[in-house]
Amino acid sequence: MPTAYILLCCDLGSENEVLEEIKQIPEVEEVNRVFGVYDMIVKISSDNMDKLKEIIALKIRKMDKVRSVLTIIRTES
């Protein structure tokens, strides 16, 4: 199952709002707020790679208060 880890930065003060919005995406397995360069780490999985990319591009990157996204796609081992 294709899986990706997404590191994202939000507008200052909007972390809780973004966190709740991301939790509504069915493919999100885990979301954690973190301290450091990024505000959150999100783990998502999907049935296929095309759907995974679509979720990242159309649902997460397009959120109003998300400023930057770094996506790490896990390889099958």
C-alpha atoms as a PDB file:
ATOM      1  CA  MET A   1       0.000   0.000   0.000  1.00  0.00           C
ATOM      2  CA  PRO A   2       1.560   3.330  -1.027  1.00  0.00           C
ATOM      3  CA  THR A   3       2.352   5.503   1.982  1.00  0.00           C
ATOM      4  CA  ALA A   4       3.640   9.061   2.293  1.00  0.00           C
ATOM      5  CA  TYR A   5       4.888  11.197   5.148  1.00  0.00           C
ATOM      6  CA  ILE A   6       4.140  14.882   4.753  1.00  0.00           C
ATOM      7  CA  LEU A   7       5.959  17.617   6.658  1.00  0.00           C
ATOM      8  CA  LEU A   8       4.035  20.847   6.554  1.00  0.00           C
ATOM      9  CA  CYS A   9       4.158  24.436   7.735  1.00  0.00           C
ATOM     10  CA  CYS A  10       1.017  26.432   8.505  1.00  0.00           C
ATOM     11  CA  ASP A  11       0.161  30.071   8.964  1.00  0.00           C
ATOM     12  CA  LEU A  12       1.098  31.200  12.452  1.00  0.00           C
ATOM     13  CA  GLY A  13      -1.695  30.348  14.878  1.00  0.00           C
ATOM     14  CA  SER A  14      -3.653  28.137  12.476  1.00  0.00           C
ATOM     15  CA  GLU A  15      -2.093  24.809  13.489  1.00  0.00           C
ATOM     16  CA  ASN A  16      -5.151  23.471  15.339  1.00  0.00           C
ATOM     17  CA  GLU A  17      -7.486  24.410  12.505  1.00  0.00           C
ATOM     18  CA  VAL A  18      -5.266  22.721   9.900  1.00  0.00           C
ATOM     19  CA  LEU A  19      -4.852  19.659  12.141  1.00  0.00           C
ATOM     20  CA  GLU A  20      -8.628  19.221  12.432  1.00  0.00           C
ATOM     21  CA  GLU A  21      -9.110  19.698   8.688  1.00  0.00           C
ATOM     22  CA  ILE A  22      -6.442  17.112   7.870  1.00  0.00           C
ATOM     23  CA  LYS A  23      -8.026  14.599  10.266  1.00  0.00           C
ATOM     24  CA  GLN A  24     -11.163  14.705   8.080  1.00  0.00           C
ATOM     25  CA  ILE A  25      -9.300  13.162   5.113  1.00  0.00           C
ATOM     26  CA  PRO A  26     -10.103   9.419   5.228  1.00  0.00           C
ATOM     27  CA  GLU A  27      -6.659   8.325   3.987  1.00  0.00           C
ATOM     28  CA  VAL A  28      -4.849  10.099   6.843  1.00  0.00           C
ATOM     29  CA  GLU A  29      -3.554   7.455   9.231  1.00  0.00           C
ATOM     30  CA  GLU A  30      -1.761   9.743  11.646  1.00  0.00           C
ATOM     31  CA  VAL A  31      -1.170  13.449  12.193  1.00  0.00           C
ATOM     32  CA  ASN A  32       1.108  14.940  14.830  1.00  0.00           C
ATOM     33  CA  ARG A  33       2.058  18.482  15.759  1.00  0.00           C
ATOM     34  CA  VAL A  34       5.803  18.912  16.146  1.00  0.00           C
ATOM     35  CA  PHE A  35       8.276  21.590  17.158  1.00  0.00           C
ATOM     36  CA  GLY A  36      11.028  22.705  14.808  1.00  0.00           C
ATOM     37  CA  VAL A  37      11.111  23.778  11.189  1.00  0.00           C
ATOM     38  CA  TYR A  38       7.772  22.077  10.444  1.00  0.00           C
ATOM     39  CA  ASP A  39       4.469  22.309  12.309  1.00  0.00           C
ATOM     40  CA  MET A  40       3.054  18.842  11.545  1.00  0.00           C
ATOM     41  CA  ILE A  41       3.899  15.391  10.296  1.00  0.00           C
ATOM     42  CA  VAL A  42       1.111  13.583   8.466  1.00  0.00           C
ATOM     43  CA  LYS A  43       1.083   9.914   7.449  1.00  0.00           C
ATOM     44  CA  ILE A  44      -1.271   8.953   4.627  1.00  0.00           C
ATOM     45  CA  SER A  45      -1.869   5.715   2.757  1.00  0.00           C
ATOM     46  CA  SER A  46      -3.956   4.853  -0.263  1.00  0.00           C
ATOM     47  CA  ASP A  47      -4.799   1.910  -2.499  1.00  0.00           C
ATOM     48  CA  ASN A  48      -2.618   3.182  -5.340  1.00  0.00           C
ATOM     49  CA  MET A  49       0.060   5.769  -6.047  1.00  0.00           C
ATOM     50  CA  ASP A  50      -2.128   7.936  -8.293  1.00  0.00           C
ATOM     51  CA  LYS A  51      -4.746   8.360  -5.569  1.00  0.00           C
ATOM     52  CA  LEU A  52      -2.008   9.118  -3.020  1.00  0.00           C
ATOM     53  CA  LYS A  53      -0.584  11.868  -5.249  1.00  0.00           C
ATOM     54  CA  GLU A  54      -4.072  13.263  -5.835  1.00  0.00           C
ATOM     55  CA  ILE A  55      -4.741  13.521  -2.088  1.00  0.00           C
ATOM     56  CA  ILE A  56      -1.455  15.351  -1.555  1.00  0.00           C
ATOM     57  CA  ALA A  57      -1.880  17.718  -4.502  1.00  0.00           C
ATOM     58  CA  LEU A  58      -5.591  18.462  -4.321  1.00  0.00           C
ATOM     59  CA  LYS A  59      -6.494  18.121  -0.654  1.00  0.00           C
ATOM     60  CA  ILE A  60      -3.442  18.927   1.455  1.00  0.00           C
ATOM     61  CA  ARG A  61      -1.412  21.360  -0.676  1.00  0.00           C
ATOM     62  CA  LYS A  62      -4.550  23.347  -1.543  1.00  0.00           C
ATOM     63  CA  MET A  63      -5.548  24.063   2.072  1.00  0.00           C
ATOM     64  CA  ASP A  64      -5.733  27.813   2.648  1.00  0.00           C
ATOM     65  CA  LYS A  65      -3.548  27.962   5.734  1.00  0.00           C
ATOM     66  CA  VAL A  66      -0.870  25.478   4.625  1.00  0.00           C
ATOM     67  CA  ARG A  67       2.228  27.427   3.589  1.00  0.00           C
ATOM     68  CA  SER A  68       4.707  24.721   2.574  1.00  0.00           C
ATOM     69  CA  VAL A  69       4.759  20.964   2.154  1.00  0.00           C
ATOM     70  CA  LEU A  70       7.573  18.427   1.945  1.00  0.00           C
ATOM     71  CA  THR A  71       6.414  14.986   0.828  1.00  0.00           C
ATOM     72  CA  ILE A  72       8.352  11.786   1.449  1.00  0.00           C
ATOM     73  CA  ILE A  73       6.945   8.728  -0.325  1.00  0.00           C
ATOM     74  CA  ARG A  74       7.893   5.435   1.283  1.00  0.00           C
ATOM     75  CA  THR A  75       9.303   2.732  -0.965  1.00  0.00           C
ATOM     76  CA  GLU A  76       8.150  -0.840  -0.642  1.00  0.00           C
ATOM     77  CA  SER A  77      10.608  -3.012   1.239  1.00  0.00           C
END
